[in-house]
Amino acid sequence: MNFVFAIKEAFYALDNPENAYWMRWYMRDQYPFIGIKKPERGVVFKAIYKEYGRGEDWFEVCSKLFAMPEREFQYVAMEYMLKAKKSWDSRIPELIDRWVDEKTWWDVVDVLSPKVLSDYFILFPEQRDMWVARWMQSPIFWHQRLCILFQLNYKSQTDLELLRQVILSLNTSKEFFIQKAIGWALRQYARTDADWVRAFVEEHKLMPLSKREALKHIS
């Protein structure tokens, strides 16, 4: 695959051990890095995508990139996926499901949920409830974070009953990333309907972090 080969060569040529150390430290040593910061990575991606990116099978390209050890390749896999939106099919949630099993952390989930799944479930609404139900039963809490955050940018189109059900299924969780996601989802929806969020928080018991985040910008 021309794109995968070209991006590998370009990235490894930009190896920066000092950047890699601090990037790995910031991500709590979860994954290795080459040391390419986001602006530089974006420039390289844009140039190589322009030359090689179009016409290749998005599923194969994304799968190969995400399987590579350094975290920059996982970021590029998600960027490539977003570029391929017109070609998305039922493999999107299957791939996301696998990626969350294999190499996930907040940096991946927080792209896949509000940027990929959000649009995917609009394109294929009949698949939404099946995947949400499956992920809500998963032993991997990152799957639940997907369910909390995919409506993040829906604004007035937010399915409030689904949001309510998901939050109340998780509102006693002691997991930091779940508490934070609940607060984030409510804080974001408060931009559309602050009264609904205020009433929801008053009516239901939330963990202190979730409550604090939900009400952060509500006077």
Protein backbone atom coordinates (compact mmCIF):
# COMPACT_ATOMS: atom_id res chain seq x y z
CA MET A 1 0.00 0.00 0.00
CA ASN A 2 1.58 3.23 -1.16
CA PHE A 3 0.06 5.42 1.55
CA VAL A 4 1.09 3.17 4.43
CA PHE A 5 4.63 2.75 3.07
CA ALA A 6 5.03 6.48 2.48
CA ILE A 7 3.71 7.55 5.88
CA LYS A 8 5.98 5.02 7.63
CA GLU A 9 9.06 6.30 5.84
CA ALA A 10 8.17 9.92 6.48
CA PHE A 11 7.39 9.42 10.16
CA TYR A 12 10.46 7.37 11.00
CA ALA A 13 12.60 10.00 9.26
CA LEU A 14 11.24 12.54 11.78
CA ASP A 15 12.18 10.49 14.84
CA ASN A 16 12.63 12.78 17.84
CA PRO A 17 13.57 10.90 21.03
CA GLU A 18 13.15 13.92 23.30
CA ASN A 19 9.63 14.65 22.04
CA ALA A 20 8.85 10.94 22.22
CA TYR A 21 9.86 10.81 25.88
CA TRP A 22 7.57 13.66 26.91
CA MET A 23 4.70 12.47 24.73
CA ARG A 24 4.94 9.01 26.28
CA TRP A 25 5.15 10.57 29.75
CA TYR A 26 2.01 12.64 29.09
CA MET A 27 0.17 9.47 28.08
CA ARG A 28 1.33 7.69 31.25
CA ASP A 29 3.62 5.33 29.35
CA GLN A 30 0.67 3.62 27.71
CA TYR A 31 2.21 3.57 24.21
CA PRO A 32 5.51 4.34 22.45
CA PHE A 33 5.86 7.46 20.32
CA ILE A 34 8.13 8.51 17.47
CA GLY A 35 8.03 12.08 18.73
CA ILE A 36 6.05 13.89 16.03
CA LYS A 37 3.84 16.65 17.37
CA LYS A 38 0.36 17.25 15.97
CA PRO A 39 1.10 20.25 13.70
CA GLU A 40 4.03 18.50 12.03
CA ARG A 41 2.09 15.27 11.75
CA GLY A 42 -0.74 17.13 10.07
CA VAL A 43 1.55 18.65 7.45
CA VAL A 44 3.04 15.26 6.61
CA PHE A 45 -0.35 13.56 6.50
CA LYS A 46 -1.79 16.19 4.18
CA ALA A 47 1.08 15.94 1.71
CA ILE A 48 1.13 12.15 1.60
CA TYR A 49 -2.63 11.83 1.46
CA LYS A 50 -2.69 14.20 -1.50
CA GLU A 51 -0.19 12.01 -3.35
CA TYR A 52 -1.21 8.49 -2.31
CA GLY A 53 -4.30 8.57 -0.11
CA ARG A 54 -7.16 8.46 -2.54
CA GLY A 55 -8.25 5.23 -4.14
CA GLU A 56 -6.85 2.83 -1.55
CA ASP A 57 -9.11 0.64 0.59
CA TRP A 58 -9.77 2.62 3.76
CA PHE A 59 -10.34 -0.50 5.86
CA GLU A 60 -7.02 -2.06 4.92
CA VAL A 61 -5.09 1.20 5.31
CA CYS A 62 -6.63 1.98 8.70
CA SER A 63 -6.15 -1.56 9.96
CA LYS A 64 -2.47 -1.68 9.00
CA LEU A 65 -1.73 1.74 10.47
CA PHE A 66 -3.53 1.12 13.74
CA ALA A 67 -1.70 -2.16 14.25
CA MET A 68 1.69 -0.44 14.25
CA PRO A 69 3.30 0.13 17.66
CA GLU A 70 3.90 3.88 17.71
CA ARG A 71 0.96 6.05 18.69
CA GLU A 72 1.34 8.48 15.78
CA PHE A 73 0.22 5.71 13.40
CA GLN A 74 -2.98 5.19 15.37
CA TYR A 75 -3.69 8.92 15.07
CA VAL A 76 -3.14 8.75 11.31
CA ALA A 77 -5.41 5.70 11.05
CA MET A 78 -8.22 7.77 12.55
CA GLU A 79 -7.48 10.75 10.30
CA TYR A 80 -7.58 8.48 7.27
CA MET A 81 -10.87 7.00 8.47
CA LEU A 82 -12.40 10.47 8.69
CA LYS A 83 -11.22 11.22 5.15
CA ALA A 84 -12.97 8.07 3.92
CA LYS A 85 -16.40 9.01 5.28
CA LYS A 86 -18.15 8.63 1.90
CA SER A 87 -17.02 4.99 1.81
CA TRP A 88 -18.00 3.99 5.33
CA ASP A 89 -19.91 0.75 5.80
CA SER A 90 -20.79 -1.68 8.59
CA ARG A 91 -17.09 -2.32 9.25
CA ILE A 92 -16.77 1.01 11.06
CA PRO A 93 -18.22 -0.06 14.45
CA GLU A 94 -16.59 -3.48 14.09
CA LEU A 95 -13.20 -1.82 13.63
CA ILE A 96 -13.80 0.59 16.50
CA ASP A 97 -14.84 -2.31 18.71
CA ARG A 98 -11.58 -4.09 17.92
CA TRP A 99 -9.44 -1.00 18.36
CA VAL A 100 -10.92 -0.32 21.78
CA ASP A 101 -10.12 -3.90 22.74
CA GLU A 102 -6.54 -3.65 21.51
CA LYS A 103 -4.99 -0.20 21.91
CA THR A 104 -7.30 2.29 23.45
CA TRP A 105 -6.93 5.24 25.78
CA TRP A 106 -8.80 8.52 26.04
CA ASP A 107 -6.92 9.99 23.06
CA VAL A 108 -8.41 7.37 20.73
CA VAL A 109 -11.89 7.10 22.24
CA ASP A 110 -12.32 10.87 22.22
CA VAL A 111 -11.84 10.92 18.45
CA LEU A 112 -13.68 7.73 17.56
CA SER A 113 -16.80 8.56 19.56
CA PRO A 114 -17.69 12.22 18.84
CA LYS A 115 -16.08 12.38 15.39
CA VAL A 116 -16.59 8.94 13.84
CA LEU A 117 -19.42 7.14 15.63
CA SER A 118 -21.46 10.34 15.81
CA ASP A 119 -21.58 10.63 12.02
CA TYR A 120 -21.79 6.88 11.47
CA PHE A 121 -24.94 6.53 13.58
CA ILE A 122 -26.53 9.40 11.66
CA LEU A 123 -25.77 7.60 8.40
CA PHE A 124 -26.87 4.20 9.75
CA PRO A 125 -29.33 4.91 12.61
CA GLU A 126 -30.69 1.36 12.62
CA GLN A 127 -27.35 0.12 14.01
CA ARG A 128 -27.10 2.50 16.92
CA ASP A 129 -29.09 0.72 19.61
CA MET A 130 -27.49 -2.66 18.93
CA TRP A 131 -23.98 -1.33 19.34
CA VAL A 132 -24.83 0.83 22.36
CA ALA A 133 -26.42 -2.16 24.09
CA ARG A 134 -23.41 -4.32 23.31
CA TRP A 135 -20.89 -1.77 24.53
CA MET A 136 -22.82 -0.96 27.67
CA GLN A 137 -22.44 -4.64 28.65
CA SER A 138 -18.71 -4.71 27.89
CA PRO A 139 -16.20 -5.28 30.70
CA ILE A 140 -14.00 -2.63 29.07
CA PHE A 141 -15.06 0.78 30.40
CA TRP A 142 -13.77 2.55 27.28
CA HIS A 143 -16.71 1.01 25.43
CA GLN A 144 -19.04 2.77 27.82
CA ARG A 145 -17.20 6.04 27.24
CA LEU A 146 -17.99 5.60 23.53
CA CYS A 147 -21.69 5.40 24.41
CA ILE A 148 -21.57 8.52 26.58
CA LEU A 149 -19.73 10.72 24.11
CA PHE A 150 -20.97 9.90 20.63
CA GLN A 151 -23.83 12.43 20.94
CA LEU A 152 -21.45 15.14 22.14
CA ASN A 153 -22.03 17.41 19.14
CA TYR A 154 -25.66 16.56 18.36
CA LYS A 155 -27.01 19.68 20.09
CA SER A 156 -30.81 19.83 19.58
CA GLN A 157 -30.72 16.43 17.84
CA THR A 158 -29.52 14.71 21.02
CA ASP A 159 -31.58 11.68 21.99
CA LEU A 160 -32.17 12.73 25.59
CA GLU A 161 -33.79 9.47 26.62
CA LEU A 162 -30.77 7.51 25.43
CA LEU A 163 -28.40 9.97 27.10
CA ARG A 164 -30.37 9.65 30.33
CA GLN A 165 -30.33 5.84 30.20
CA VAL A 166 -26.61 5.65 29.51
CA ILE A 167 -25.71 8.10 32.26
CA LEU A 168 -27.96 6.51 34.87
CA SER A 169 -26.48 3.10 34.07
CA LEU A 170 -23.04 4.45 34.90
CA ASN A 171 -23.64 7.26 37.39
CA THR A 172 -22.19 5.36 40.34
CA SER A 173 -19.06 4.22 38.50
CA LYS A 174 -15.82 4.89 40.33
CA GLU A 175 -13.86 5.03 37.09
CA PHE A 176 -12.42 8.51 36.53
CA PHE A 177 -12.82 8.41 32.75
CA ILE A 178 -16.50 7.48 33.05
CA GLN A 179 -17.24 10.19 35.62
CA LYS A 180 -15.41 12.73 33.48
CA ALA A 181 -17.27 11.66 30.32
CA ILE A 182 -20.67 11.99 32.02
CA GLY A 183 -19.81 15.50 33.14
CA TRP A 184 -18.47 16.40 29.71
CA ALA A 185 -21.60 15.14 27.92
CA LEU A 186 -23.89 17.08 30.25
CA ARG A 187 -21.75 20.22 30.11
CA GLN A 188 -21.80 20.11 26.33
CA TYR A 189 -25.57 19.63 26.15
CA ALA A 190 -25.99 22.53 28.59
CA ARG A 191 -24.92 24.78 25.72
CA THR A 192 -28.18 23.75 24.05
CA ASP A 193 -30.47 23.42 27.06
CA ALA A 194 -29.01 24.46 30.38
CA ASP A 195 -32.37 24.06 32.14
CA TRP A 196 -32.58 20.39 31.17
CA VAL A 197 -29.08 19.72 32.48
CA ARG A 198 -29.71 21.63 35.71
CA ALA A 199 -32.92 19.69 36.32
CA PHE A 200 -31.24 16.37 35.49
CA VAL A 201 -28.43 17.01 37.95
CA GLU A 202 -30.87 18.05 40.66
CA GLU A 203 -33.06 14.99 40.10
CA HIS A 204 -30.37 12.29 39.88
CA LYS A 205 -27.44 11.42 42.07
CA LEU A 206 -24.16 11.83 40.23
CA MET A 207 -20.60 11.37 41.39
CA PRO A 208 -19.06 14.68 42.54
CA LEU A 209 -16.72 14.93 39.53
CA SER A 210 -19.57 14.37 37.05
CA LYS A 211 -21.77 16.93 38.79
CA ARG A 212 -19.02 19.51 38.98
CA GLU A 213 -18.16 19.12 35.31
CA ALA A 214 -21.83 19.17 34.25
CA LEU A 215 -22.52 22.47 35.99
CA LYS A 216 -19.20 24.16 35.26
CA HIS A 217 -20.63 26.79 32.92
CA ILE A 218 -24.15 27.04 34.33
CA SER A 219 -24.71 30.05 36.57
